[in-house]
């Protein structure tokens, strides 16, 4: 059943005043335009608790204070890679002991949901073509020339075993000296300077 709009405090007080004046529930409902069942509920509440104010709702109070919620929301907004464990530790240092599930629920209420970062492929077809072109252009460069190259990115991408040579060769090909060594490829941005 959907929640209906609450009556104003003035209307609830009028219902109680009219009841004390001796009017029936149905007469009060007709006079104020309120259902008889609503009038009866307000009168029963007044008889039991001597108030027409809203009583505290059932359920446990929130573990994290509004200030703590602002703190963790701000921290996650600044750094989306913040883990729930980091937030638990931050709140624990501030004096609030919570679980990771509580952190997740709090962030979800604030519209922040967790997701895994998209895995981006390292090499796109255009990169593969550019690197293959670079490799073919420098195929016959002597090994001494490679010592004078400054690579813009030294991230290594293994294709076979560990790195034994700086040259990028196709699989199954032999080096000029006739030896066959395992080769790894470098991920660089096709920027290099030769001194």
Protein backbone atom coordinates (compact mmCIF):
# COMPACT_ATOMS: atom_id res chain seq x y z
CA UNK A 1 0.00 0.00 0.00
CA UNK A 2 1.37 3.40 -0.96
CA UNK A 3 2.15 5.94 1.74
CA UNK A 4 -0.34 8.79 1.80
CA UNK A 5 0.37 12.39 2.70
CA UNK A 6 0.42 13.04 6.44
CA UNK A 7 -2.07 15.43 7.96
CA UNK A 8 -0.74 18.71 9.26
CA UNK A 9 -0.28 19.18 13.00
CA UNK A 10 -3.09 21.78 13.02
CA UNK A 11 -5.57 19.32 11.46
CA UNK A 12 -4.63 16.61 13.96
CA UNK A 13 -5.08 19.04 16.86
CA UNK A 14 -8.51 20.10 15.48
CA UNK A 15 -9.56 16.43 15.37
CA UNK A 16 -8.62 16.02 19.04
CA UNK A 17 -10.40 19.29 20.01
CA UNK A 18 -13.58 18.25 18.18
CA UNK A 19 -13.43 14.81 19.84
CA UNK A 20 -13.11 16.43 23.26
CA UNK A 21 -16.09 18.65 22.35
CA UNK A 22 -18.15 15.43 22.03
CA UNK A 23 -18.39 15.00 18.24
CA UNK A 24 -18.32 11.53 16.68
CA UNK A 25 -15.54 10.27 14.42
CA UNK A 26 -17.76 10.30 11.33
CA UNK A 27 -18.95 13.87 12.04
CA UNK A 28 -15.35 15.05 12.51
CA UNK A 29 -14.32 13.33 9.28
CA UNK A 30 -17.15 14.99 7.30
CA UNK A 31 -16.42 18.43 8.78
CA UNK A 32 -12.65 18.31 8.03
CA UNK A 33 -12.80 16.15 4.87
CA UNK A 34 -10.80 13.30 6.39
CA UNK A 35 -11.60 9.56 6.39
CA UNK A 36 -13.28 8.15 9.49
CA UNK A 37 -10.50 5.57 9.95
CA UNK A 38 -7.88 8.34 9.96
CA UNK A 39 -9.83 10.29 12.57
CA UNK A 40 -10.09 7.15 14.72
CA UNK A 41 -6.35 6.46 14.45
CA UNK A 42 -5.47 10.02 15.52
CA UNK A 43 -7.87 9.88 18.48
CA UNK A 44 -6.49 6.47 19.63
CA UNK A 45 -2.93 7.83 19.36
CA UNK A 46 -3.87 10.86 21.45
CA UNK A 47 -5.55 8.67 24.12
CA UNK A 48 -2.50 6.37 24.33
CA UNK A 49 0.40 8.83 24.10
CA UNK A 50 -1.26 12.19 24.91
CA UNK A 51 0.29 13.67 21.76
CA UNK A 52 -0.51 14.04 18.08
CA UNK A 53 3.16 14.34 17.04
CA UNK A 54 4.81 11.68 14.93
CA UNK A 55 6.40 9.03 17.11
CA UNK A 56 9.88 7.67 16.42
CA UNK A 57 9.82 5.07 13.66
CA UNK A 58 10.88 1.49 14.30
CA UNK A 59 14.32 0.30 13.24
CA UNK A 60 17.87 0.88 14.37
CA UNK A 61 19.33 4.35 14.07
CA UNK A 62 21.99 4.96 11.45
CA UNK A 63 25.49 3.89 12.52
CA UNK A 64 27.20 6.62 10.51
CA UNK A 65 26.43 10.21 11.48
CA UNK A 66 25.51 12.74 8.76
CA UNK A 67 28.99 14.24 9.15
CA UNK A 68 30.57 10.80 8.62
CA UNK A 69 28.40 10.25 5.54
CA UNK A 70 29.61 13.56 4.09
CA UNK A 71 33.20 12.62 4.84
CA UNK A 72 33.11 9.25 3.09
CA UNK A 73 31.06 10.63 0.17
CA UNK A 74 33.62 13.41 -0.32
CA UNK A 75 36.52 10.96 -0.11
CA UNK A 76 35.00 8.59 -2.67
CA UNK A 77 34.11 11.48 -5.00
CA UNK A 78 37.71 12.73 -4.90
CA UNK A 79 39.23 9.26 -5.36
CA UNK A 80 36.83 6.70 -6.89
CA UNK A 81 39.37 3.91 -6.31
CA UNK A 82 39.04 4.22 -2.52
CA UNK A 83 38.23 0.80 -1.07
CA UNK A 84 35.56 0.02 1.48
CA UNK A 85 38.30 -1.19 3.82
CA UNK A 86 39.98 2.23 3.68
CA UNK A 87 36.67 3.90 4.55
CA UNK A 88 36.06 1.47 7.43
CA UNK A 89 39.51 2.30 8.81
CA UNK A 90 38.90 6.06 8.45
CA UNK A 91 35.62 5.83 10.35
CA UNK A 92 37.19 3.60 12.98
CA UNK A 93 39.87 6.24 13.60
CA UNK A 94 37.03 8.76 13.97
CA UNK A 95 35.38 6.53 16.58
CA UNK A 96 32.67 4.76 14.56
CA UNK A 97 32.88 1.01 14.09
CA UNK A 98 31.08 -0.12 10.91
CA UNK A 99 31.25 -2.99 8.44
CA UNK A 100 31.98 -2.90 4.72
CA UNK A 101 28.31 -3.65 4.01
CA UNK A 102 27.29 -0.53 5.97
CA UNK A 103 29.70 1.53 3.87
CA UNK A 104 28.24 0.07 0.65
CA UNK A 105 24.66 0.76 1.75
CA UNK A 106 25.50 4.33 2.77
CA UNK A 107 27.24 5.11 -0.53
CA UNK A 108 24.40 3.51 -2.49
CA UNK A 109 21.88 5.75 -0.69
CA UNK A 110 23.99 8.72 -1.82
CA UNK A 111 23.87 7.50 -5.44
CA UNK A 112 27.42 6.09 -5.53
CA UNK A 113 27.58 2.47 -6.61
CA UNK A 114 30.60 0.28 -7.03
CA UNK A 115 31.70 -1.06 -10.37
CA UNK A 116 34.77 -2.67 -11.83
CA UNK A 117 36.95 -0.58 -14.08
CA UNK A 118 36.66 -1.52 -17.73
CA UNK A 119 39.55 -3.57 -19.02
CA UNK A 120 41.04 -1.72 -21.94
CA UNK A 121 43.01 -3.72 -24.49
CA UNK A 122 46.63 -2.67 -24.51
CA UNK A 123 47.10 -2.79 -28.25
CA UNK A 124 44.57 -1.67 -30.83
CA UNK A 125 44.94 -2.56 -34.52
CA UNK A 126 46.33 0.89 -35.31
CA UNK A 127 49.02 0.43 -32.64
CA UNK A 128 49.91 -3.01 -33.97
CA UNK A 129 50.37 -1.61 -37.50
CA UNK A 130 52.47 1.33 -36.24
CA UNK A 131 54.73 -0.94 -34.22
CA UNK A 132 55.10 -3.43 -37.03
CA UNK A 133 56.07 -0.58 -39.37
CA UNK A 134 58.62 0.66 -36.81
CA UNK A 135 60.05 -2.85 -36.43
CA UNK A 136 60.40 -3.31 -40.20
CA UNK A 137 62.09 0.09 -40.60
CA UNK A 138 64.67 -0.76 -37.91
CA UNK A 139 65.05 -4.46 -38.73
CA UNK A 140 68.68 -4.22 -39.83
CA UNK A 141 69.88 -1.67 -37.28
CA UNK A 142 73.02 -2.87 -35.51
CA UNK A 143 72.72 -3.75 -31.83
CA UNK A 144 74.95 -0.81 -30.86
CA UNK A 145 72.32 1.62 -32.22
CA UNK A 146 69.75 0.26 -29.78
CA UNK A 147 71.96 1.28 -26.86
CA UNK A 148 71.52 4.94 -27.88
CA UNK A 149 67.72 4.85 -27.88
CA UNK A 150 65.65 6.37 -25.10
CA UNK A 151 62.25 4.72 -24.91
CA UNK A 152 59.30 6.80 -23.77
CA UNK A 153 57.64 3.90 -21.94
CA UNK A 154 59.44 0.94 -20.46
CA UNK A 155 56.35 -1.18 -19.77
CA UNK A 156 57.10 -4.73 -20.80
CA UNK A 157 54.58 -7.06 -22.42
CA UNK A 158 55.73 -10.68 -22.37
CA UNK A 159 54.97 -12.84 -25.37
CA UNK A 160 57.12 -15.88 -24.55
CA UNK A 161 59.77 -16.20 -21.82
CA UNK A 162 61.54 -13.43 -19.98
CA UNK A 163 63.39 -10.66 -21.82
CA UNK A 164 66.71 -11.62 -23.42
CA UNK A 165 66.97 -9.11 -26.25
CA UNK A 166 65.88 -5.58 -26.98
CA UNK A 167 65.09 -6.32 -30.61
CA UNK A 168 61.52 -6.89 -31.62
CA UNK A 169 61.33 -9.80 -34.00
CA UNK A 170 58.55 -11.97 -35.30
CA UNK A 171 58.12 -15.36 -33.65
CA UNK A 172 60.29 -18.14 -35.04
CA UNK A 173 62.82 -15.90 -36.77
CA UNK A 174 66.51 -16.07 -36.02
CA UNK A 175 68.75 -13.15 -35.17
CA UNK A 176 71.52 -12.13 -37.54
CA UNK A 177 74.07 -14.13 -35.59
CA UNK A 178 72.02 -17.28 -36.18
CA UNK A 179 70.90 -17.74 -32.58
CA UNK A 180 67.31 -18.16 -31.62
CA UNK A 181 66.40 -16.34 -28.40
CA UNK A 182 63.11 -15.70 -26.69
CA UNK A 183 61.81 -12.24 -27.47
CA UNK A 184 59.53 -9.93 -25.56
CA UNK A 185 57.85 -6.84 -26.89
CA UNK A 186 57.87 -3.37 -25.39
CA UNK A 187 54.81 -1.22 -25.14
CA UNK A 188 56.02 2.18 -26.23
CA UNK A 189 54.33 5.09 -27.84
CA UNK A 190 56.37 5.06 -31.02
CA UNK A 191 58.41 7.95 -29.66
CA UNK A 192 62.10 7.49 -29.43
CA UNK A 193 65.15 9.66 -29.75
CA UNK A 194 68.46 8.49 -31.06
CA UNK A 195 71.56 10.23 -29.81
